[in-house]
Amino acid sequence: MTNALPDRLSIDPDSPYYDETAIGEGVGVRFKGAEKTNVEEYCVSEGWIRVQAGKARDRKGKPLTIKLKGPVEVWRKAPEEAADTPSA
């Protein structure tokens, strides 16, 4: 197992960028210097994250998301930290 995180990761199982093992191990996301816990998907190389847009849902029942652009940093969370907050 490598310690490198994927460049792009999603918590949606229908996404081609979904990786259950990476999510299960815990991933921390920092966007514009602030740690985010509500990230649905991120891409480090393109510099964006997707977060929920309130409580709105699409016709399939999935939350609507908005894309925010800016510097993105990701890291592996410590095991006790990963158990506290699930995040992408």
PDB file of N, CA and C in Angstrom:
ATOM      1  N   MET A   1       0.833  -1.177   0.000  1.00  0.00           N
ATOM      2  CA  MET A   1       0.000   0.000   0.000  1.00  0.00           C
ATOM      3  C   MET A   1       0.880   1.243   0.000  1.00  0.00           C
ATOM      4  N   THR A   2       0.543   2.198  -0.821  1.00  0.00           N
ATOM      5  CA  THR A   2       1.291   3.442  -0.863  1.00  0.00           C
ATOM      6  C   THR A   2       0.608   4.478   0.004  1.00  0.00           C
ATOM      7  N   ASN A   3       1.367   5.464   0.393  1.00  0.00           N
ATOM      8  CA  ASN A   3       0.827   6.523   1.231  1.00  0.00           C
ATOM      9  C   ASN A   3       0.281   7.678   0.398  1.00  0.00           C
ATOM     10  N   ALA A   4       0.475   7.611  -0.921  1.00  0.00           N
ATOM     11  CA  ALA A   4       0.026   8.694  -1.792  1.00  0.00           C
ATOM     12  C   ALA A   4      -1.491   8.680  -1.941  1.00  0.00           C
ATOM     13  N   LEU A   5      -2.079   9.857  -1.879  1.00  0.00           N
ATOM     14  CA  LEU A   5      -3.518   9.990  -2.079  1.00  0.00           C
ATOM     15  C   LEU A   5      -3.802  10.236  -3.549  1.00  0.00           C
ATOM     16  N   PRO A   6      -4.989   9.849  -4.025  1.00  0.00           N
ATOM     17  CA  PRO A   6      -5.328  10.125  -5.418  1.00  0.00           C
ATOM     18  C   PRO A   6      -5.462  11.627  -5.667  1.00  0.00           C
ATOM     19  N   ASP A   7      -5.161  12.032  -6.895  1.00  0.00           N
ATOM     20  CA  ASP A   7      -5.276  13.433  -7.282  1.00  0.00           C
ATOM     21  C   ASP A   7      -6.726  13.892  -7.236  1.00  0.00           C
ATOM     22  N   ARG A   8      -7.640  12.984  -7.550  1.00  0.00           N
ATOM     23  CA  ARG A   8      -9.071  13.294  -7.554  1.00  0.00           C
ATOM     24  C   ARG A   8      -9.802  12.185  -6.813  1.00  0.00           C
ATOM     25  N   LEU A   9     -10.705  12.554  -5.913  1.00  0.00           N
ATOM     26  CA  LEU A   9     -11.412  11.578  -5.095  1.00  0.00           C
ATOM     27  C   LEU A   9     -12.834  12.053  -4.859  1.00  0.00           C
ATOM     28  N   SER A  10     -13.790  11.108  -4.893  1.00  0.00           N
ATOM     29  CA  SER A  10     -15.198  11.409  -4.674  1.00  0.00           C
ATOM     30  C   SER A  10     -15.769  10.445  -3.643  1.00  0.00           C
ATOM     31  N   ILE A  11     -16.754  10.906  -2.872  1.00  0.00           N
ATOM     32  CA  ILE A  11     -17.413  10.015  -1.921  1.00  0.00           C
ATOM     33  C   ILE A  11     -18.672   9.378  -2.509  1.00  0.00           C
ATOM     34  N   ASP A  12     -19.011   9.709  -3.751  1.00  0.00           N
ATOM     35  CA  ASP A  12     -20.181   9.148  -4.431  1.00  0.00           C
ATOM     36  C   ASP A  12     -19.806   7.797  -5.052  1.00  0.00           C
ATOM     37  N   PRO A  13     -20.443   6.695  -4.631  1.00  0.00           N
ATOM     38  CA  PRO A  13     -20.109   5.374  -5.182  1.00  0.00           C
ATOM     39  C   PRO A  13     -20.340   5.244  -6.682  1.00  0.00           C
ATOM     40  N   ASP A  14     -21.168   6.094  -7.278  1.00  0.00           N
ATOM     41  CA  ASP A  14     -21.416   6.032  -8.721  1.00  0.00           C
ATOM     42  C   ASP A  14     -20.341   6.747  -9.536  1.00  0.00           C
ATOM     43  N   SER A  15     -19.461   7.473  -8.881  1.00  0.00           N
ATOM     44  CA  SER A  15     -18.422   8.244  -9.572  1.00  0.00           C
ATOM     45  C   SER A  15     -17.249   7.343  -9.960  1.00  0.00           C
ATOM     46  N   PRO A  16     -16.611   7.596 -11.102  1.00  0.00           N
ATOM     47  CA  PRO A  16     -15.415   6.832 -11.468  1.00  0.00           C
ATOM     48  C   PRO A  16     -14.223   7.164 -10.567  1.00  0.00           C
ATOM     49  N   TYR A  17     -14.304   8.224  -9.779  1.00  0.00           N
ATOM     50  CA  TYR A  17     -13.218   8.638  -8.892  1.00  0.00           C
ATOM     51  C   TYR A  17     -13.438   8.188  -7.451  1.00  0.00           C
ATOM     52  N   TYR A  18     -14.393   7.304  -7.231  1.00  0.00           N
ATOM     53  CA  TYR A  18     -14.683   6.766  -5.905  1.00  0.00           C
ATOM     54  C   TYR A  18     -13.632   5.715  -5.553  1.00  0.00           C
ATOM     55  N   ASP A  19     -13.052   5.817  -4.358  1.00  0.00           N
ATOM     56  CA  ASP A  19     -12.065   4.846  -3.877  1.00  0.00           C
ATOM     57  C   ASP A  19     -12.362   4.560  -2.414  1.00  0.00           C
ATOM     58  N   GLU A  20     -13.016   3.430  -2.169  1.00  0.00           N
ATOM     59  CA  GLU A  20     -13.472   3.091  -0.820  1.00  0.00           C
ATOM     60  C   GLU A  20     -12.317   2.952   0.163  1.00  0.00           C
ATOM     61  N   THR A  21     -11.198   2.382  -0.268  1.00  0.00           N
ATOM     62  CA  THR A  21     -10.081   2.192   0.656  1.00  0.00           C
ATOM     63  C   THR A  21      -9.474   3.529   1.087  1.00  0.00           C
ATOM     64  N   ALA A  22      -9.327   4.462   0.156  1.00  0.00           N
ATOM     65  CA  ALA A  22      -8.778   5.778   0.511  1.00  0.00           C
ATOM     66  C   ALA A  22      -9.713   6.517   1.457  1.00  0.00           C
ATOM     67  N   ILE A  23     -11.004   6.440   1.208  1.00  0.00           N
ATOM     68  CA  ILE A  23     -11.981   7.119   2.061  1.00  0.00           C
ATOM     69  C   ILE A  23     -12.014   6.478   3.442  1.00  0.00           C
ATOM     70  N   GLY A  24     -11.963   5.159   3.475  1.00  0.00           N
ATOM     71  CA  GLY A  24     -11.997   4.442   4.742  1.00  0.00           C
ATOM     72  C   GLY A  24     -10.796   4.725   5.622  1.00  0.00           C
ATOM     73  N   GLU A  25      -9.651   4.991   5.020  1.00  0.00           N
ATOM     74  CA  GLU A  25      -8.442   5.291   5.789  1.00  0.00           C
ATOM     75  C   GLU A  25      -8.455   6.709   6.329  1.00  0.00           C
ATOM     76  N   GLY A  26      -9.290   7.549   5.767  1.00  0.00           N
ATOM     77  CA  GLY A  26      -9.418   8.921   6.244  1.00  0.00           C
ATOM     78  C   GLY A  26      -8.593   9.887   5.425  1.00  0.00           C
ATOM     79  N   VAL A  27      -9.250  10.903   4.897  1.00  0.00           N
ATOM     80  CA  VAL A  27      -8.604  11.922   4.093  1.00  0.00           C
ATOM     81  C   VAL A  27      -9.009  13.282   4.640  1.00  0.00           C
ATOM     82  N   GLY A  28      -8.024  14.122   4.876  1.00  0.00           N
ATOM     83  CA  GLY A  28      -8.289  15.488   5.302  1.00  0.00           C
ATOM     84  C   GLY A  28      -8.147  16.409   4.109  1.00  0.00           C
ATOM     85  N   VAL A  29      -8.992  17.437   4.043  1.00  0.00           N
ATOM     86  CA  VAL A  29      -8.956  18.388   2.930  1.00  0.00           C
ATOM     87  C   VAL A  29      -8.867  19.804   3.498  1.00  0.00           C
ATOM     88  N   ARG A  30      -7.899  20.547   2.988  1.00  0.00           N
ATOM     89  CA  ARG A  30      -7.760  21.956   3.349  1.00  0.00           C
ATOM     90  C   ARG A  30      -7.962  22.760   2.072  1.00  0.00           C
ATOM     91  N   PHE A  31      -8.892  23.696   2.121  1.00  0.00           N
ATOM     92  CA  PHE A  31      -9.220  24.526   0.965  1.00  0.00           C
ATOM     93  C   PHE A  31      -9.030  25.980   1.338  1.00  0.00           C
ATOM     94  N   LYS A  32      -8.167  26.664   0.618  1.00  0.00           N
ATOM     95  CA  LYS A  32      -7.826  28.072   0.885  1.00  0.00           C
ATOM     96  C   LYS A  32      -7.405  28.271   2.334  1.00  0.00           C
ATOM     97  N   GLY A  33      -6.660  27.311   2.865  1.00  0.00           N
ATOM     98  CA  GLY A  33      -6.120  27.422   4.208  1.00  0.00           C
ATOM     99  C   GLY A  33      -7.040  26.983   5.329  1.00  0.00           C
ATOM    100  N   ALA A  34      -8.293  26.633   5.033  1.00  0.00           N
ATOM    101  CA  ALA A  34      -9.245  26.210   6.059  1.00  0.00           C
ATOM    102  C   ALA A  34      -9.597  24.734   5.860  1.00  0.00           C
ATOM    103  N   GLU A  35      -9.602  23.979   6.953  1.00  0.00           N
ATOM    104  CA  GLU A  35      -9.954  22.567   6.862  1.00  0.00           C
ATOM    105  C   GLU A  35     -11.452  22.423   6.618  1.00  0.00           C
ATOM    106  N   LYS A  36     -11.807  21.594   5.634  1.00  0.00           N
ATOM    107  CA  LYS A  36     -13.207  21.372   5.271  1.00  0.00           C
ATOM    108  C   LYS A  36     -13.594  19.938   5.601  1.00  0.00           C
ATOM    109  N   THR A  37     -14.790  19.771   6.160  1.00  0.00           N
ATOM    110  CA  THR A  37     -15.291  18.438   6.487  1.00  0.00           C
ATOM    111  C   THR A  37     -16.500  18.057   5.655  1.00  0.00           C
ATOM    112  N   ASN A  38     -16.965  18.940   4.775  1.00  0.00           N
ATOM    113  CA  ASN A  38     -18.173  18.686   3.991  1.00  0.00           C
ATOM    114  C   ASN A  38     -17.885  18.529   2.503  1.00  0.00           C
ATOM    115  N   VAL A  39     -16.700  18.058   2.149  1.00  0.00           N
ATOM    116  CA  VAL A  39     -16.287  17.946   0.749  1.00  0.00           C
ATOM    117  C   VAL A  39     -16.854  16.669   0.137  1.00  0.00           C
ATOM    118  N   GLU A  40     -17.536  16.799  -0.992  1.00  0.00           N
ATOM    119  CA  GLU A  40     -18.077  15.658  -1.724  1.00  0.00           C
ATOM    120  C   GLU A  40     -17.038  15.088  -2.692  1.00  0.00           C
ATOM    121  N   GLU A  41     -16.240  15.969  -3.303  1.00  0.00           N
ATOM    122  CA  GLU A  41     -15.236  15.562  -4.287  1.00  0.00           C
ATOM    123  C   GLU A  41     -14.167  16.643  -4.339  1.00  0.00           C
ATOM    124  N   TYR A  42     -12.928  16.234  -4.652  1.00  0.00           N
ATOM    125  CA  TYR A  42     -11.865  17.219  -4.815  1.00  0.00           C
ATOM    126  C   TYR A  42     -10.961  16.830  -5.970  1.00  0.00           C
ATOM    127  N   CYS A  43     -10.230  17.806  -6.497  1.00  0.00           N
ATOM    128  CA  CYS A  43      -9.196  17.585  -7.505  1.00  0.00           C
ATOM    129  C   CYS A  43      -8.053  18.541  -7.190  1.00  0.00           C
ATOM    130  N   VAL A  44      -6.911  17.977  -6.802  1.00  0.00           N
ATOM    131  CA  VAL A  44      -5.773  18.785  -6.404  1.00  0.00           C
ATOM    132  C   VAL A  44      -5.148  19.483  -7.612  1.00  0.00           C
ATOM    133  N   SER A  45      -4.933  18.756  -8.712  1.00  0.00           N
ATOM    134  CA  SER A  45      -4.235  19.321  -9.865  1.00  0.00           C
ATOM    135  C   SER A  45      -5.023  20.451 -10.534  1.00  0.00           C
ATOM    136  N   GLU A  46      -6.352  20.350 -10.540  1.00  0.00           N
ATOM    137  CA  GLU A  46      -7.177  21.398 -11.151  1.00  0.00           C
ATOM    138  C   GLU A  46      -7.561  22.479 -10.149  1.00  0.00           C
ATOM    139  N   GLY A  47      -7.373  22.233  -8.848  1.00  0.00           N
ATOM    140  CA  GLY A  47      -7.623  23.232  -7.820  1.00  0.00           C
ATOM    141  C   GLY A  47      -9.082  23.528  -7.559  1.00  0.00           C
ATOM    142  N   TRP A  48      -9.891  22.497  -7.257  1.00  0.00           N
ATOM    143  CA  TRP A  48     -11.297  22.721  -6.924  1.00  0.00           C
ATOM    144  C   TRP A  48     -11.809  21.656  -5.975  1.00  0.00           C
ATOM    145  N   ILE A  49     -12.906  21.995  -5.286  1.00  0.00           N
ATOM    146  CA  ILE A  49     -13.641  21.040  -4.456  1.00  0.00           C
ATOM    147  C   ILE A  49     -15.120  21.186  -4.786  1.00  0.00           C
ATOM    148  N   ARG A  50     -15.889  20.151  -4.485  1.00  0.00           N
ATOM    149  CA  ARG A  50     -17.349  20.208  -4.597  1.00  0.00           C
ATOM    150  C   ARG A  50     -17.927  20.030  -3.196  1.00  0.00           C
ATOM    151  N   VAL A  51     -18.841  20.922  -2.843  1.00  0.00           N
ATOM    152  CA  VAL A  51     -19.529  20.855  -1.553  1.00  0.00           C
ATOM    153  C   VAL A  51     -21.029  20.934  -1.790  1.00  0.00           C
ATOM    154  N   GLN A  52     -21.800  20.463  -0.818  1.00  0.00           N
ATOM    155  CA  GLN A  52     -23.252  20.496  -0.941  1.00  0.00           C
ATOM    156  C   GLN A  52     -23.764  21.928  -0.975  1.00  0.00           C
ATOM    157  N   ALA A  53     -24.805  22.136  -1.775  1.00  0.00           N
ATOM    158  CA  ALA A  53     -25.448  23.449  -1.882  1.00  0.00           C
ATOM    159  C   ALA A  53     -26.707  23.432  -1.027  1.00  0.00           C
ATOM    160  N   GLY A  54     -26.553  23.563   0.256  1.00  0.00           N
ATOM    161  CA  GLY A  54     -27.691  23.549   1.165  1.00  0.00           C
ATOM    162  C   GLY A  54     -28.340  22.182   1.244  1.00  0.00           C
ATOM    163  N   LYS A  55     -29.659  22.162   1.349  1.00  0.00           N
ATOM    164  CA  LYS A  55     -30.391  20.894   1.451  1.00  0.00           C
ATOM    165  C   LYS A  55     -31.035  20.490   0.137  1.00  0.00           C
ATOM    166  N   ALA A  56     -30.713  21.195  -0.938  1.00  0.00           N
ATOM    167  CA  ALA A  56     -31.317  20.921  -2.237  1.00  0.00           C
ATOM    168  C   ALA A  56     -30.890  19.551  -2.756  1.00  0.00           C
ATOM    169  N   ARG A  57     -31.806  18.864  -3.425  1.00  0.00           N
ATOM    170  CA  ARG A  57     -31.551  17.531  -3.990  1.00  0.00           C
ATOM    171  C   ARG A  57     -31.929  17.523  -5.457  1.00  0.00           C
ATOM    172  N   ASP A  58     -31.267  16.668  -6.231  1.00  0.00           N
ATOM    173  CA  ASP A  58     -31.650  16.513  -7.629  1.00  0.00           C
ATOM    174  C   ASP A  58     -32.783  15.498  -7.720  1.00  0.00           C
ATOM    175  N   ARG A  59     -33.239  15.200  -8.920  1.00  0.00           N
ATOM    176  CA  ARG A  59     -34.390  14.300  -9.062  1.00  0.00           C
ATOM    177  C   ARG A  59     -34.071  12.852  -8.718  1.00  0.00           C
ATOM    178  N   LYS A  60     -32.803  12.513  -8.583  1.00  0.00           N
ATOM    179  CA  LYS A  60     -32.408  11.161  -8.161  1.00  0.00           C
ATOM    180  C   LYS A  60     -32.193  11.080  -6.654  1.00  0.00           C
ATOM    181  N   GLY A  61     -32.366  12.198  -5.965  1.00  0.00           N
ATOM    182  CA  GLY A  61     -32.239  12.223  -4.511  1.00  0.00           C
ATOM    183  C   GLY A  61     -30.839  12.518  -4.006  1.00  0.00           C
ATOM    184  N   LYS A  62     -29.914  12.800  -4.901  1.00  0.00           N
ATOM    185  CA  LYS A  62     -28.551  13.124  -4.493  1.00  0.00           C
ATOM    186  C   LYS A  62     -28.447  14.621  -4.227  1.00  0.00           C
ATOM    187  N   PRO A  63     -27.579  15.020  -3.292  1.00  0.00           N
ATOM    188  CA  PRO A  63     -27.456  16.457  -2.996  1.00  0.00           C
ATOM    189  C   PRO A  63     -26.861  17.222  -4.168  1.00  0.00           C
ATOM    190  N   LEU A  64     -27.373  18.440  -4.383  1.00  0.00           N
ATOM    191  CA  LEU A  64     -26.786  19.318  -5.389  1.00  0.00           C
ATOM    192  C   LEU A  64     -25.482  19.860  -4.836  1.00  0.00           C
ATOM    193  N   THR A  65     -24.501  20.005  -5.709  1.00  0.00           N
ATOM    194  CA  THR A  65     -23.195  20.479  -5.278  1.00  0.00           C
ATOM    195  C   THR A  65     -22.775  21.699  -6.079  1.00  0.00           C
ATOM    196  N   ILE A  66     -21.870  22.459  -5.485  1.00  0.00           N
ATOM    197  CA  ILE A  66     -21.268  23.583  -6.185  1.00  0.00           C
ATOM    198  C   ILE A  66     -19.759  23.382  -6.192  1.00  0.00           C
ATOM    199  N   LYS A  67     -19.123  23.875  -7.250  1.00  0.00           N
ATOM    200  CA  LYS A  67     -17.673  23.756  -7.385  1.00  0.00           C
ATOM    201  C   LYS A  67     -17.031  25.063  -6.936  1.00  0.00           C
ATOM    202  N   LEU A  68     -16.086  24.934  -5.998  1.00  0.00           N
ATOM    203  CA  LEU A  68     -15.337  26.083  -5.509  1.00  0.00           C
ATOM    204  C   LEU A  68     -13.893  25.937  -5.970  1.00  0.00           C
ATOM    205  N   LYS A  69     -13.325  26.988  -6.536  1.00  0.00           N
ATOM    206  CA  LYS A  69     -11.971  26.929  -7.058  1.00  0.00           C
ATOM    207  C   LYS A  69     -11.005  27.646  -6.121  1.00  0.00           C
ATOM    208  N   GLY A  70      -9.820  27.038  -5.973  1.00  0.00           N
ATOM    209  CA  GLY A  70      -8.779  27.603  -5.129  1.00  0.00           C
ATOM    210  C   GLY A  70      -7.765  26.535  -4.792  1.00  0.00           C
ATOM    211  N   PRO A  71      -6.757  26.868  -3.995  1.00  0.00           N
ATOM    212  CA  PRO A  71      -5.726  25.884  -3.635  1.00  0.00           C
ATOM    213  C   PRO A  71      -6.290  24.787  -2.730  1.00  0.00           C
ATOM    214  N   VAL A  72      -5.978  23.537  -3.075  1.00  0.00           N
ATOM    215  CA  VAL A  72      -6.471  22.370  -2.336  1.00  0.00           C
ATOM    216  C   VAL A  72      -5.279  21.569  -1.825  1.00  0.00           C
ATOM    217  N   GLU A  73      -5.302  21.217  -0.541  1.00  0.00           N
ATOM    218  CA  GLU A  73      -4.292  20.349   0.056  1.00  0.00           C
ATOM    219  C   GLU A  73      -5.012  19.155   0.666  1.00  0.00           C
ATOM    220  N   VAL A  74      -4.446  17.960   0.496  1.00  0.00           N
ATOM    221  CA  VAL A  74      -5.028  16.755   1.094  1.00  0.00           C
ATOM    222  C   VAL A  74      -3.955  16.005   1.868  1.00  0.00           C
ATOM    223  N   TRP A  75      -4.374  15.260   2.897  1.00  0.00           N
ATOM    224  CA  TRP A  75      -3.461  14.458   3.699  1.00  0.00           C
ATOM    225  C   TRP A  75      -4.217  13.285   4.292  1.00  0.00           C
ATOM    226  N   ARG A  76      -3.476  12.282   4.701  1.00  0.00           N
ATOM    227  CA  ARG A  76      -4.069  11.136   5.397  1.00  0.00           C
ATOM    228  C   ARG A  76      -4.284  11.531   6.847  1.00  0.00           C
ATOM    229  N   LYS A  77      -5.449  11.233   7.349  1.00  0.00           N
ATOM    230  CA  LYS A  77      -5.746  11.516   8.744  1.00  0.00           C
ATOM    231  C   LYS A  77      -5.188  10.398   9.618  1.00  0.00           C
ATOM    232  N   ALA A  78      -4.898  10.741  10.848  1.00  0.00           N
ATOM    233  CA  ALA A  78      -4.478   9.740  11.823  1.00  0.00           C
ATOM    234  C   ALA A  78      -5.670   8.831  12.103  1.00  0.00           C
ATOM    235  N   PRO A  79      -5.450   7.564  12.470  1.00  0.00           N
ATOM    236  CA  PRO A  79      -6.571   6.633  12.681  1.00  0.00           C
ATOM    237  C   PRO A  79      -7.631   7.133  13.650  1.00  0.00           C
ATOM    238  N   GLU A  80      -7.266   7.761  14.757  1.00  0.00           N
ATOM    239  CA  GLU A  80      -8.269   8.260  15.693  1.00  0.00           C
ATOM    240  C   GLU A  80      -8.992   9.474  15.139  1.00  0.00           C
ATOM    241  N   GLU A  81      -8.332  10.251  14.294  1.00  0.00           N
ATOM    242  CA  GLU A  81      -8.936  11.417  13.665  1.00  0.00           C
ATOM    243  C   GLU A  81      -9.926  10.976  12.576  1.00  0.00           C
ATOM    244  N   ALA A  82      -9.602   9.905  11.850  1.00  0.00           N
ATOM    245  CA  ALA A  82     -10.462   9.415  10.769  1.00  0.00           C
ATOM    246  C   ALA A  82     -11.770   8.859  11.307  1.00  0.00           C
ATOM    247  N   ALA A  83     -11.747   8.289  12.492  1.00  0.00           N
ATOM    248  CA  ALA A  83     -12.969   7.724  13.074  1.00  0.00           C
ATOM    249  C   ALA A  83     -13.946   8.814  13.491  1.00  0.00           C
ATOM    250  N   ASP A  84     -13.457  10.016  13.777  1.00  0.00           N
ATOM    251  CA  ASP A  84     -14.313  11.102  14.239  1.00  0.00           C
ATOM    252  C   ASP A  84     -15.152  11.716  13.131  1.00  0.00           C
ATOM    253  N   THR A  85     -14.542  12.033  11.983  1.00  0.00           N
ATOM    254  CA  THR A  85     -15.248  12.755  10.931  1.00  0.00           C
ATOM    255  C   THR A  85     -15.037  12.098   9.582  1.00  0.00           C
ATOM    256  N   PRO A  86     -16.107  11.557   8.956  1.00  0.00           N
ATOM    257  CA  PRO A  86     -15.949  11.025   7.599  1.00  0.00           C
ATOM    258  C   PRO A  86     -15.898  12.173   6.612  1.00  0.00           C
ATOM    259  N   SER A  87     -14.942  12.127   5.689  1.00  0.00           N
ATOM    260  CA  SER A  87     -14.775  13.178   4.699  1.00  0.00           C
ATOM    261  C   SER A  87     -14.126  12.601   3.454  1.00  0.00           C
ATOM    262  N   ALA A  88     -14.236  13.331   2.341  1.00  0.00           N
ATOM    263  CA  ALA A  88     -13.557  12.931   1.131  1.00  0.00           C
ATOM    264  C   ALA A  88     -12.240  13.526   1.024  1.00  0.00           C
TER     265      ALA A  88
END
